[in-house]
Amino acid sequence: MNTKMNGKLIDYIELNPMWTQSGNPERISSGNGCALTLSATHHGDHDQFWIVLVKEGVEVARYNPRGVEHIRWTL
């Protein structure tokens, strides 16, 4: 990933079980008024990456990419 990918749409992500509250794998998907996008920004001396879940125009969650096992990008 790089900062040029900022705003790129994601179909779904699969979270590593170690990063979920239940300890089970979890899939987060776009659809039904929700959209997943990559936030890739540069902050002076480092880049910062988040996967952002937006519902009806409001950010409702952020996921650290380190906890993601799989990303399916929207084509």
N, C-alpha and C. Protein backbone atom coordinates (compact mmCIF):
# COMPACT_ATOMS: atom_id res chain seq x y z
N MET A 1 0.84 -1.18 0.00
CA MET A 1 0.00 0.00 0.00
C MET A 1 0.88 1.24 0.00
N ASN A 2 0.34 2.29 -0.60
CA ASN A 2 1.02 3.57 -0.56
C ASN A 2 -0.02 4.69 -0.51
N THR A 3 0.43 5.92 -0.28
CA THR A 3 -0.52 7.02 -0.08
C THR A 3 -1.29 7.36 -1.34
N LYS A 4 -0.84 6.93 -2.51
CA LYS A 4 -1.59 7.16 -3.75
C LYS A 4 -2.88 6.34 -3.77
N MET A 5 -3.00 5.36 -2.88
CA MET A 5 -4.20 4.52 -2.81
C MET A 5 -5.27 5.13 -1.90
N ASN A 6 -5.03 6.32 -1.36
CA ASN A 6 -5.99 6.96 -0.46
C ASN A 6 -7.37 7.05 -1.13
N GLY A 7 -8.39 6.61 -0.41
CA GLY A 7 -9.76 6.65 -0.92
C GLY A 7 -10.17 5.45 -1.75
N LYS A 8 -9.25 4.52 -1.98
CA LYS A 8 -9.57 3.34 -2.79
C LYS A 8 -10.67 2.53 -2.11
N LEU A 9 -11.66 2.11 -2.90
CA LEU A 9 -12.80 1.37 -2.37
C LEU A 9 -12.44 -0.10 -2.13
N ILE A 10 -13.01 -0.66 -1.06
CA ILE A 10 -12.76 -2.04 -0.66
C ILE A 10 -14.09 -2.78 -0.65
N ASP A 11 -14.11 -3.97 -1.26
CA ASP A 11 -15.31 -4.81 -1.26
C ASP A 11 -15.51 -5.42 0.13
N TYR A 12 -14.44 -6.05 0.67
CA TYR A 12 -14.52 -6.59 2.03
C TYR A 12 -13.12 -6.81 2.58
N ILE A 13 -13.06 -6.93 3.91
CA ILE A 13 -11.83 -7.31 4.60
C ILE A 13 -12.13 -8.50 5.50
N GLU A 14 -11.12 -9.31 5.72
CA GLU A 14 -11.23 -10.42 6.68
C GLU A 14 -10.22 -10.16 7.79
N LEU A 15 -10.74 -10.07 9.02
CA LEU A 15 -9.89 -9.78 10.17
C LEU A 15 -9.28 -11.06 10.74
N ASN A 16 -8.05 -10.94 11.17
CA ASN A 16 -7.36 -12.03 11.86
C ASN A 16 -8.08 -12.29 13.19
N PRO A 17 -8.34 -13.56 13.57
CA PRO A 17 -9.03 -13.85 14.82
C PRO A 17 -8.37 -13.22 16.05
N MET A 18 -7.06 -13.02 16.01
CA MET A 18 -6.37 -12.40 17.15
C MET A 18 -6.79 -10.95 17.35
N TRP A 19 -7.41 -10.33 16.33
CA TRP A 19 -7.79 -8.93 16.39
C TRP A 19 -9.29 -8.75 16.59
N THR A 20 -10.03 -9.82 16.84
CA THR A 20 -11.48 -9.70 17.06
C THR A 20 -11.81 -9.96 18.52
N GLN A 21 -12.91 -9.41 18.97
CA GLN A 21 -13.32 -9.61 20.37
C GLN A 21 -13.74 -11.05 20.63
N SER A 22 -14.30 -11.70 19.61
CA SER A 22 -14.79 -13.07 19.78
C SER A 22 -13.69 -14.11 19.67
N GLY A 23 -12.55 -13.72 19.06
CA GLY A 23 -11.49 -14.70 18.83
C GLY A 23 -11.74 -15.54 17.59
N ASN A 24 -12.75 -15.17 16.81
CA ASN A 24 -13.08 -15.87 15.57
C ASN A 24 -12.79 -14.95 14.39
N PRO A 25 -12.55 -15.54 13.20
CA PRO A 25 -12.37 -14.68 12.03
C PRO A 25 -13.63 -13.86 11.80
N GLU A 26 -13.46 -12.68 11.23
CA GLU A 26 -14.60 -11.80 11.00
C GLU A 26 -14.46 -11.14 9.64
N ARG A 27 -15.56 -11.08 8.88
CA ARG A 27 -15.56 -10.40 7.58
C ARG A 27 -16.41 -9.14 7.69
N ILE A 28 -15.83 -8.03 7.24
CA ILE A 28 -16.51 -6.75 7.20
C ILE A 28 -16.68 -6.40 5.73
N SER A 29 -17.92 -6.12 5.30
CA SER A 29 -18.19 -5.89 3.88
C SER A 29 -18.81 -4.53 3.61
N SER A 30 -18.58 -4.05 2.40
CA SER A 30 -19.30 -2.87 1.91
C SER A 30 -20.69 -3.33 1.48
N GLY A 31 -21.62 -2.40 1.39
CA GLY A 31 -22.98 -2.69 0.94
C GLY A 31 -23.99 -2.28 1.99
N ASN A 32 -25.24 -2.26 1.61
CA ASN A 32 -26.35 -1.87 2.51
C ASN A 32 -26.10 -0.52 3.17
N GLY A 33 -25.67 0.45 2.37
CA GLY A 33 -25.43 1.79 2.91
C GLY A 33 -24.08 1.97 3.55
N CYS A 34 -23.24 0.93 3.57
CA CYS A 34 -21.90 1.00 4.16
C CYS A 34 -20.84 0.93 3.06
N ALA A 35 -19.74 1.65 3.26
CA ALA A 35 -18.63 1.62 2.32
C ALA A 35 -17.32 1.51 3.10
N LEU A 36 -16.45 0.66 2.63
CA LEU A 36 -15.09 0.54 3.17
C LEU A 36 -14.13 1.24 2.22
N THR A 37 -13.26 2.07 2.77
CA THR A 37 -12.25 2.75 1.97
C THR A 37 -10.92 2.72 2.71
N LEU A 38 -9.86 2.89 1.94
CA LEU A 38 -8.53 2.98 2.52
C LEU A 38 -8.20 4.44 2.79
N SER A 39 -7.78 4.74 4.00
CA SER A 39 -7.26 6.06 4.34
C SER A 39 -5.75 5.91 4.39
N ALA A 40 -5.06 6.57 3.47
CA ALA A 40 -3.60 6.47 3.37
C ALA A 40 -3.04 7.89 3.32
N THR A 41 -2.49 8.35 4.42
CA THR A 41 -2.04 9.73 4.53
C THR A 41 -0.58 9.81 4.98
N HIS A 42 0.07 10.89 4.60
CA HIS A 42 1.46 11.12 5.00
C HIS A 42 1.48 12.17 6.10
N HIS A 43 2.24 11.90 7.15
CA HIS A 43 2.32 12.79 8.31
C HIS A 43 3.77 13.19 8.58
N GLY A 44 4.32 14.00 7.69
CA GLY A 44 5.68 14.52 7.89
C GLY A 44 6.76 13.48 7.68
N ASP A 45 6.94 12.61 8.65
CA ASP A 45 8.01 11.61 8.57
C ASP A 45 7.51 10.18 8.46
N HIS A 46 6.20 9.99 8.36
CA HIS A 46 5.67 8.62 8.26
C HIS A 46 4.31 8.61 7.54
N ASP A 47 3.99 7.46 7.00
CA ASP A 47 2.68 7.25 6.39
C ASP A 47 1.78 6.55 7.40
N GLN A 48 0.49 6.82 7.29
CA GLN A 48 -0.47 6.20 8.21
C GLN A 48 -1.60 5.59 7.38
N PHE A 49 -1.94 4.33 7.71
CA PHE A 49 -2.95 3.60 6.96
C PHE A 49 -4.06 3.13 7.90
N TRP A 50 -5.31 3.30 7.46
CA TRP A 50 -6.49 2.81 8.17
C TRP A 50 -7.48 2.32 7.13
N ILE A 51 -8.32 1.39 7.51
CA ILE A 51 -9.47 1.01 6.70
C ILE A 51 -10.68 1.60 7.42
N VAL A 52 -11.42 2.44 6.70
CA VAL A 52 -12.50 3.22 7.29
C VAL A 52 -13.86 2.68 6.82
N LEU A 53 -14.76 2.47 7.77
CA LEU A 53 -16.12 2.05 7.47
C LEU A 53 -17.03 3.26 7.61
N VAL A 54 -17.71 3.62 6.52
CA VAL A 54 -18.61 4.78 6.50
C VAL A 54 -20.02 4.28 6.24
N LYS A 55 -20.96 4.72 7.06
CA LYS A 55 -22.37 4.36 6.90
C LYS A 55 -23.16 5.64 6.72
N GLU A 56 -23.83 5.73 5.57
CA GLU A 56 -24.66 6.89 5.24
C GLU A 56 -23.89 8.20 5.44
N GLY A 57 -22.63 8.23 4.99
CA GLY A 57 -21.82 9.43 5.05
C GLY A 57 -21.13 9.72 6.36
N VAL A 58 -21.30 8.84 7.36
CA VAL A 58 -20.70 9.05 8.68
C VAL A 58 -19.72 7.92 8.98
N GLU A 59 -18.50 8.29 9.40
CA GLU A 59 -17.52 7.28 9.79
C GLU A 59 -17.99 6.59 11.05
N VAL A 60 -18.09 5.25 11.01
CA VAL A 60 -18.56 4.50 12.17
C VAL A 60 -17.48 3.59 12.76
N ALA A 61 -16.41 3.32 11.99
CA ALA A 61 -15.35 2.45 12.51
C ALA A 61 -14.08 2.62 11.68
N ARG A 62 -12.95 2.30 12.33
CA ARG A 62 -11.64 2.25 11.66
C ARG A 62 -10.99 0.94 12.04
N TYR A 63 -10.33 0.33 11.07
CA TYR A 63 -9.63 -0.93 11.30
C TYR A 63 -8.16 -0.75 10.94
N ASN A 64 -7.30 -1.24 11.81
CA ASN A 64 -5.87 -1.19 11.58
C ASN A 64 -5.52 -2.28 10.56
N PRO A 65 -4.86 -1.94 9.46
CA PRO A 65 -4.52 -2.95 8.46
C PRO A 65 -3.65 -4.09 8.98
N ARG A 66 -2.96 -3.88 10.08
CA ARG A 66 -2.14 -4.97 10.64
C ARG A 66 -3.00 -6.15 11.09
N GLY A 67 -4.27 -5.90 11.41
CA GLY A 67 -5.17 -6.96 11.85
C GLY A 67 -5.96 -7.60 10.73
N VAL A 68 -5.68 -7.20 9.50
CA VAL A 68 -6.44 -7.69 8.35
C VAL A 68 -5.64 -8.79 7.65
N GLU A 69 -6.29 -9.94 7.48
CA GLU A 69 -5.64 -11.05 6.76
C GLU A 69 -5.83 -10.95 5.26
N HIS A 70 -6.97 -10.38 4.84
CA HIS A 70 -7.27 -10.36 3.41
C HIS A 70 -8.06 -9.10 3.08
N ILE A 71 -7.70 -8.46 1.96
CA ILE A 71 -8.46 -7.32 1.44
C ILE A 71 -8.89 -7.66 0.02
N ARG A 72 -10.18 -7.50 -0.24
CA ARG A 72 -10.66 -7.62 -1.62
C ARG A 72 -11.03 -6.22 -2.08
N TRP A 73 -10.27 -5.71 -3.03
CA TRP A 73 -10.50 -4.37 -3.54
C TRP A 73 -11.70 -4.38 -4.48
N THR A 74 -12.44 -3.28 -4.51
CA THR A 74 -13.53 -3.12 -5.45
C THR A 74 -12.94 -2.82 -6.82
N LEU A 75 -13.40 -3.54 -7.82
CA LEU A 75 -12.86 -3.36 -9.17
C LEU A 75 -13.52 -2.21 -9.89
